[in-house]
Amino acid sequence: MAKKKYFGNDIEPQCQYCAFGTRAKDGNKVLCEKRGLVNGDASCNKFSYSPLKRIPVKQLHIPGNFDDE
């Protein structure tokens, strides 16, 4: 049986949240220690997930109070 990873086994590898990557100033590219300058959605075999680099999706703000219903 495969060991379950702490953040789950279903994380899609992307350079934008890899431990070896640093986001470039333009925001779309990543400077990878292993492959150089790559797109943020690229990945390689050296992918190592870094949860601190992942930017969560912003929550949708719905005006109004739903507690009264």
PDB file of N, CA and C in Angstrom:
ATOM      1  N   MET A   1       0.844  -1.172   0.000  1.00  0.00           N
ATOM      2  CA  MET A   1       0.000   0.000   0.000  1.00  0.00           C
ATOM      3  C   MET A   1       0.896   1.243   0.000  1.00  0.00           C
ATOM      4  N   ALA A   2       0.568   2.210  -0.840  1.00  0.00           N
ATOM      5  CA  ALA A   2       1.343   3.439  -0.938  1.00  0.00           C
ATOM      6  C   ALA A   2       1.078   4.313   0.285  1.00  0.00           C
ATOM      7  N   LYS A   3       2.114   4.980   0.716  1.00  0.00           N
ATOM      8  CA  LYS A   3       1.992   5.865   1.861  1.00  0.00           C
ATOM      9  C   LYS A   3       1.233   7.129   1.456  1.00  0.00           C
ATOM     10  N   LYS A   4       0.244   7.528   2.249  1.00  0.00           N
ATOM     11  CA  LYS A   4      -0.523   8.726   1.956  1.00  0.00           C
ATOM     12  C   LYS A   4       0.278   9.944   2.388  1.00  0.00           C
ATOM     13  N   LYS A   5       0.381  10.922   1.495  1.00  0.00           N
ATOM     14  CA  LYS A   5       1.112  12.142   1.793  1.00  0.00           C
ATOM     15  C   LYS A   5       0.285  13.022   2.711  1.00  0.00           C
ATOM     16  N   TYR A   6       0.948  13.923   3.433  1.00  0.00           N
ATOM     17  CA  TYR A   6       0.304  14.770   4.426  1.00  0.00           C
ATOM     18  C   TYR A   6      -0.784  15.651   3.811  1.00  0.00           C
ATOM     19  N   PHE A   7      -0.535  16.210   2.623  1.00  0.00           N
ATOM     20  CA  PHE A   7      -1.504  17.097   1.984  1.00  0.00           C
ATOM     21  C   PHE A   7      -2.335  16.383   0.933  1.00  0.00           C
ATOM     22  N   GLY A   8      -2.260  15.056   0.876  1.00  0.00           N
ATOM     23  CA  GLY A   8      -3.047  14.276  -0.071  1.00  0.00           C
ATOM     24  C   GLY A   8      -2.222  13.854  -1.276  1.00  0.00           C
ATOM     25  N   ASN A   9      -2.655  12.785  -1.905  1.00  0.00           N
ATOM     26  CA  ASN A   9      -1.942  12.258  -3.064  1.00  0.00           C
ATOM     27  C   ASN A   9      -2.447  12.847  -4.378  1.00  0.00           C
ATOM     28  N   ASP A  10      -3.486  13.658  -4.350  1.00  0.00           N
ATOM     29  CA  ASP A  10      -4.093  14.150  -5.580  1.00  0.00           C
ATOM     30  C   ASP A  10      -3.675  15.572  -5.953  1.00  0.00           C
ATOM     31  N   ILE A  11      -2.529  16.048  -5.471  1.00  0.00           N
ATOM     32  CA  ILE A  11      -2.034  17.380  -5.799  1.00  0.00           C
ATOM     33  C   ILE A  11      -1.370  17.325  -7.169  1.00  0.00           C
ATOM     34  N   GLU A  12      -1.869  18.146  -8.090  1.00  0.00           N
ATOM     35  CA  GLU A  12      -1.307  18.186  -9.436  1.00  0.00           C
ATOM     36  C   GLU A  12       0.010  18.962  -9.407  1.00  0.00           C
ATOM     37  N   PRO A  13       1.112  18.373  -9.874  1.00  0.00           N
ATOM     38  CA  PRO A  13       2.407  19.067  -9.841  1.00  0.00           C
ATOM     39  C   PRO A  13       2.416  20.291 -10.750  1.00  0.00           C
ATOM     40  N   GLN A  14       2.797  21.431 -10.198  1.00  0.00           N
ATOM     41  CA  GLN A  14       2.972  22.665 -10.953  1.00  0.00           C
ATOM     42  C   GLN A  14       4.146  23.413 -10.349  1.00  0.00           C
ATOM     43  N   CYS A  15       4.959  24.017 -11.198  1.00  0.00           N
ATOM     44  CA  CYS A  15       6.159  24.713 -10.741  1.00  0.00           C
ATOM     45  C   CYS A  15       5.840  25.918  -9.861  1.00  0.00           C
ATOM     46  N   GLN A  16       4.644  26.473  -9.969  1.00  0.00           N
ATOM     47  CA  GLN A  16       4.321  27.665  -9.199  1.00  0.00           C
ATOM     48  C   GLN A  16       4.255  27.400  -7.696  1.00  0.00           C
ATOM     49  N   TYR A  17       4.046  26.168  -7.263  1.00  0.00           N
ATOM     50  CA  TYR A  17       4.086  25.864  -5.833  1.00  0.00           C
ATOM     51  C   TYR A  17       5.029  24.717  -5.520  1.00  0.00           C
ATOM     52  N   CYS A  18       6.158  24.697  -6.219  1.00  0.00           N
ATOM     53  CA  CYS A  18       7.218  23.718  -5.971  1.00  0.00           C
ATOM     54  C   CYS A  18       8.254  24.333  -5.031  1.00  0.00           C
ATOM     55  N   ALA A  19       8.892  23.514  -4.226  1.00  0.00           N
ATOM     56  CA  ALA A  19       9.903  23.991  -3.288  1.00  0.00           C
ATOM     57  C   ALA A  19      11.142  24.517  -4.002  1.00  0.00           C
ATOM     58  N   PHE A  20      11.391  24.077  -5.231  1.00  0.00           N
ATOM     59  CA  PHE A  20      12.573  24.497  -5.981  1.00  0.00           C
ATOM     60  C   PHE A  20      12.327  25.747  -6.819  1.00  0.00           C
ATOM     61  N   GLY A  21      11.099  26.238  -6.879  1.00  0.00           N
ATOM     62  CA  GLY A  21      10.766  27.369  -7.744  1.00  0.00           C
ATOM     63  C   GLY A  21      10.578  28.663  -6.979  1.00  0.00           C
ATOM     64  N   THR A  22      10.894  29.778  -7.656  1.00  0.00           N
ATOM     65  CA  THR A  22      10.673  31.117  -7.126  1.00  0.00           C
ATOM     66  C   THR A  22       9.925  31.905  -8.187  1.00  0.00           C
ATOM     67  N   ARG A  23       8.833  32.537  -7.809  1.00  0.00           N
ATOM     68  CA  ARG A  23       8.013  33.271  -8.769  1.00  0.00           C
ATOM     69  C   ARG A  23       8.804  34.465  -9.313  1.00  0.00           C
ATOM     70  N   ALA A  24       8.778  34.637 -10.640  1.00  0.00           N
ATOM     71  CA  ALA A  24       9.447  35.754 -11.296  1.00  0.00           C
ATOM     72  C   ALA A  24       8.629  37.031 -11.100  1.00  0.00           C
ATOM     73  N   LYS A  25       9.234  38.171 -11.431  1.00  0.00           N
ATOM     74  CA  LYS A  25       8.564  39.450 -11.214  1.00  0.00           C
ATOM     75  C   LYS A  25       7.331  39.639 -12.085  1.00  0.00           C
ATOM     76  N   ASP A  26       7.296  39.020 -13.265  1.00  0.00           N
ATOM     77  CA  ASP A  26       6.129  39.190 -14.131  1.00  0.00           C
ATOM     78  C   ASP A  26       4.911  38.424 -13.628  1.00  0.00           C
ATOM     79  N   GLY A  27       5.103  37.453 -12.730  1.00  0.00           N
ATOM     80  CA  GLY A  27       3.991  36.735 -12.110  1.00  0.00           C
ATOM     81  C   GLY A  27       3.563  35.474 -12.822  1.00  0.00           C
ATOM     82  N   ASN A  28       3.882  35.333 -14.105  1.00  0.00           N
ATOM     83  CA  ASN A  28       3.463  34.155 -14.861  1.00  0.00           C
ATOM     84  C   ASN A  28       4.557  33.106 -14.970  1.00  0.00           C
ATOM     85  N   LYS A  29       5.784  33.495 -14.776  1.00  0.00           N
ATOM     86  CA  LYS A  29       6.923  32.586 -14.921  1.00  0.00           C
ATOM     87  C   LYS A  29       7.477  32.225 -13.544  1.00  0.00           C
ATOM     88  N   VAL A  30       8.206  31.102 -13.507  1.00  0.00           N
ATOM     89  CA  VAL A  30       8.833  30.625 -12.277  1.00  0.00           C
ATOM     90  C   VAL A  30      10.297  30.353 -12.575  1.00  0.00           C
ATOM     91  N   LEU A  31      11.179  30.810 -11.693  1.00  0.00           N
ATOM     92  CA  LEU A  31      12.602  30.537 -11.821  1.00  0.00           C
ATOM     93  C   LEU A  31      12.902  29.279 -11.019  1.00  0.00           C
ATOM     94  N   CYS A  32      13.116  28.175 -11.735  1.00  0.00           N
ATOM     95  CA  CYS A  32      13.322  26.863 -11.122  1.00  0.00           C
ATOM     96  C   CYS A  32      14.813  26.612 -10.921  1.00  0.00           C
ATOM     97  N   GLU A  33      15.195  26.056  -9.775  1.00  0.00           N
ATOM     98  CA  GLU A  33      16.590  25.705  -9.510  1.00  0.00           C
ATOM     99  C   GLU A  33      17.065  24.580 -10.415  1.00  0.00           C
ATOM    100  N   LYS A  34      16.152  23.752 -10.887  1.00  0.00           N
ATOM    101  CA  LYS A  34      16.502  22.576 -11.688  1.00  0.00           C
ATOM    102  C   LYS A  34      16.428  22.832 -13.192  1.00  0.00           C
ATOM    103  N   ARG A  35      15.421  23.611 -13.656  1.00  0.00           N
ATOM    104  CA  ARG A  35      15.173  23.762 -15.092  1.00  0.00           C
ATOM    105  C   ARG A  35      15.313  25.176 -15.612  1.00  0.00           C
ATOM    106  N   GLY A  36      15.536  26.163 -14.761  1.00  0.00           N
ATOM    107  CA  GLY A  36      15.647  27.545 -15.217  1.00  0.00           C
ATOM    108  C   GLY A  36      14.292  28.237 -15.242  1.00  0.00           C
ATOM    109  N   LEU A  37      14.095  29.137 -16.197  1.00  0.00           N
ATOM    110  CA  LEU A  37      12.862  29.905 -16.302  1.00  0.00           C
ATOM    111  C   LEU A  37      11.804  29.087 -17.041  1.00  0.00           C
ATOM    112  N   VAL A  38      10.687  28.810 -16.375  1.00  0.00           N
ATOM    113  CA  VAL A  38       9.612  27.989 -16.940  1.00  0.00           C
ATOM    114  C   VAL A  38       8.264  28.646 -16.656  1.00  0.00           C
ATOM    115  N   ASN A  39       7.229  28.176 -17.332  1.00  0.00           N
ATOM    116  CA  ASN A  39       5.860  28.629 -17.054  1.00  0.00           C
ATOM    117  C   ASN A  39       5.419  28.110 -15.690  1.00  0.00           C
ATOM    118  N   GLY A  40       4.476  28.798 -15.050  1.00  0.00           N
ATOM    119  CA  GLY A  40       4.004  28.400 -13.733  1.00  0.00           C
ATOM    120  C   GLY A  40       3.255  27.091 -13.702  1.00  0.00           C
ATOM    121  N   ASP A  41       2.638  26.716 -14.819  1.00  0.00           N
ATOM    122  CA  ASP A  41       1.870  25.474 -14.843  1.00  0.00           C
ATOM    123  C   ASP A  41       2.684  24.280 -15.331  1.00  0.00           C
ATOM    124  N   ALA A  42       3.970  24.464 -15.595  1.00  0.00           N
ATOM    125  CA  ALA A  42       4.844  23.356 -15.999  1.00  0.00           C
ATOM    126  C   ALA A  42       5.220  22.524 -14.772  1.00  0.00           C
ATOM    127  N   SER A  43       5.797  21.356 -14.995  1.00  0.00           N
ATOM    128  CA  SER A  43       6.263  20.519 -13.891  1.00  0.00           C
ATOM    129  C   SER A  43       7.360  19.589 -14.389  1.00  0.00           C
ATOM    130  N   CYS A  44       8.092  18.984 -13.452  1.00  0.00           N
ATOM    131  CA  CYS A  44       9.147  18.042 -13.802  1.00  0.00           C
ATOM    132  C   CYS A  44       9.174  16.920 -12.762  1.00  0.00           C
ATOM    133  N   ASN A  45      10.099  15.994 -12.910  1.00  0.00           N
ATOM    134  CA  ASN A  45      10.191  14.852 -12.000  1.00  0.00           C
ATOM    135  C   ASN A  45      10.731  15.231 -10.625  1.00  0.00           C
ATOM    136  N   LYS A  46      11.345  16.392 -10.493  1.00  0.00           N
ATOM    137  CA  LYS A  46      11.907  16.843  -9.218  1.00  0.00           C
ATOM    138  C   LYS A  46      10.900  17.624  -8.374  1.00  0.00           C
ATOM    139  N   PHE A  47       9.633  17.619  -8.746  1.00  0.00           N
ATOM    140  CA  PHE A  47       8.600  18.384  -8.045  1.00  0.00           C
ATOM    141  C   PHE A  47       8.540  18.001  -6.575  1.00  0.00           C
ATOM    142  N   SER A  48       8.564  19.018  -5.719  1.00  0.00           N
ATOM    143  CA  SER A  48       8.426  18.842  -4.277  1.00  0.00           C
ATOM    144  C   SER A  48       7.423  19.888  -3.792  1.00  0.00           C
ATOM    145  N   TYR A  49       6.267  19.452  -3.317  1.00  0.00           N
ATOM    146  CA  TYR A  49       5.187  20.356  -2.937  1.00  0.00           C
ATOM    147  C   TYR A  49       5.567  21.211  -1.740  1.00  0.00           C
ATOM    148  N   SER A  50       5.344  22.514  -1.864  1.00  0.00           N
ATOM    149  CA  SER A  50       5.559  23.453  -0.773  1.00  0.00           C
ATOM    150  C   SER A  50       4.228  24.150  -0.489  1.00  0.00           C
ATOM    151  N   PRO A  51       3.532  23.794   0.594  1.00  0.00           N
ATOM    152  CA  PRO A  51       2.207  24.360   0.855  1.00  0.00           C
ATOM    153  C   PRO A  51       2.223  25.864   1.111  1.00  0.00           C
ATOM    154  N   LEU A  52       3.358  26.425   1.504  1.00  0.00           N
ATOM    155  CA  LEU A  52       3.431  27.860   1.764  1.00  0.00           C
ATOM    156  C   LEU A  52       3.437  28.686   0.483  1.00  0.00           C
ATOM    157  N   LYS A  53       3.756  28.080  -0.640  1.00  0.00           N
ATOM    158  CA  LYS A  53       3.788  28.802  -1.912  1.00  0.00           C
ATOM    159  C   LYS A  53       2.460  28.773  -2.646  1.00  0.00           C
ATOM    160  N   ARG A  54       1.549  27.958  -2.224  1.00  0.00           N
ATOM    161  CA  ARG A  54       0.260  27.856  -2.906  1.00  0.00           C
ATOM    162  C   ARG A  54      -0.609  29.050  -2.533  1.00  0.00           C
ATOM    163  N   ILE A  55      -1.165  29.717  -3.534  1.00  0.00           N
ATOM    164  CA  ILE A  55      -2.038  30.867  -3.311  1.00  0.00           C
ATOM    165  C   ILE A  55      -3.477  30.371  -3.380  1.00  0.00           C
ATOM    166  N   PRO A  56      -4.226  30.444  -2.261  1.00  0.00           N
ATOM    167  CA  PRO A  56      -5.595  29.918  -2.261  1.00  0.00           C
ATOM    168  C   PRO A  56      -6.525  30.765  -3.131  1.00  0.00           C
ATOM    169  N   VAL A  57      -7.579  30.148  -3.611  1.00  0.00           N
ATOM    170  CA  VAL A  57      -8.582  30.841  -4.410  1.00  0.00           C
ATOM    171  C   VAL A  57      -9.357  31.776  -3.493  1.00  0.00           C
ATOM    172  N   LYS A  58      -9.584  33.008  -3.956  1.00  0.00           N
ATOM    173  CA  LYS A  58     -10.311  33.979  -3.143  1.00  0.00           C
ATOM    174  C   LYS A  58     -11.764  33.558  -2.990  1.00  0.00           C
ATOM    175  N   GLN A  59     -12.310  33.762  -1.803  1.00  0.00           N
ATOM    176  CA  GLN A  59     -13.696  33.418  -1.519  1.00  0.00           C
ATOM    177  C   GLN A  59     -14.626  34.459  -2.139  1.00  0.00           C
ATOM    178  N   LEU A  60     -15.736  34.015  -2.643  1.00  0.00           N
ATOM    179  CA  LEU A  60     -16.726  34.888  -3.246  1.00  0.00           C
ATOM    180  C   LEU A  60     -17.493  35.607  -2.141  1.00  0.00           C
ATOM    181  N   HIS A  61     -17.533  36.936  -2.214  1.00  0.00           N
ATOM    182  CA  HIS A  61     -18.256  37.729  -1.221  1.00  0.00           C
ATOM    183  C   HIS A  61     -19.668  37.989  -1.735  1.00  0.00           C
ATOM    184  N   ILE A  62     -20.654  37.502  -1.010  1.00  0.00           N
ATOM    185  CA  ILE A  62     -22.056  37.699  -1.380  1.00  0.00           C
ATOM    186  C   ILE A  62     -22.662  38.682  -0.385  1.00  0.00           C
ATOM    187  N   PRO A  63     -23.122  39.844  -0.869  1.00  0.00           N
ATOM    188  CA  PRO A  63     -23.712  40.819   0.050  1.00  0.00           C
ATOM    189  C   PRO A  63     -25.037  40.313   0.614  1.00  0.00           C
ATOM    190  N   GLY A  64     -25.310  40.707   1.826  1.00  0.00           N
ATOM    191  CA  GLY A  64     -26.563  40.301   2.466  1.00  0.00           C
ATOM    192  C   GLY A  64     -26.293  39.425   3.675  1.00  0.00           C
ATOM    193  N   ASN A  65     -27.301  39.264   4.488  1.00  0.00           N
ATOM    194  CA  ASN A  65     -27.187  38.469   5.693  1.00  0.00           C
ATOM    195  C   ASN A  65     -28.067  37.232   5.531  1.00  0.00           C
ATOM    196  N   PHE A  66     -27.481  36.058   5.598  1.00  0.00           N
ATOM    197  CA  PHE A  66     -28.224  34.822   5.407  1.00  0.00           C
ATOM    198  C   PHE A  66     -28.653  34.185   6.732  1.00  0.00           C
ATOM    199  N   ASP A  67     -28.361  34.825   7.861  1.00  0.00           N
ATOM    200  CA  ASP A  67     -28.724  34.272   9.159  1.00  0.00           C
ATOM    201  C   ASP A  67     -30.216  34.447   9.469  1.00  0.00           C
ATOM    202  N   ASP A  68     -30.875  35.401   8.826  1.00  0.00           N
ATOM    203  CA  ASP A  68     -32.275  35.690   9.123  1.00  0.00           C
ATOM    204  C   ASP A  68     -33.232  34.668   8.524  1.00  0.00           C
ATOM    205  N   GLU A  69     -32.782  33.881   7.589  1.00  0.00           N
ATOM    206  CA  GLU A  69     -33.684  32.957   6.898  1.00  0.00           C
ATOM    207  C   GLU A  69     -34.125  31.825   7.754  1.00  0.00           C
TER     208      GLU A  69
END
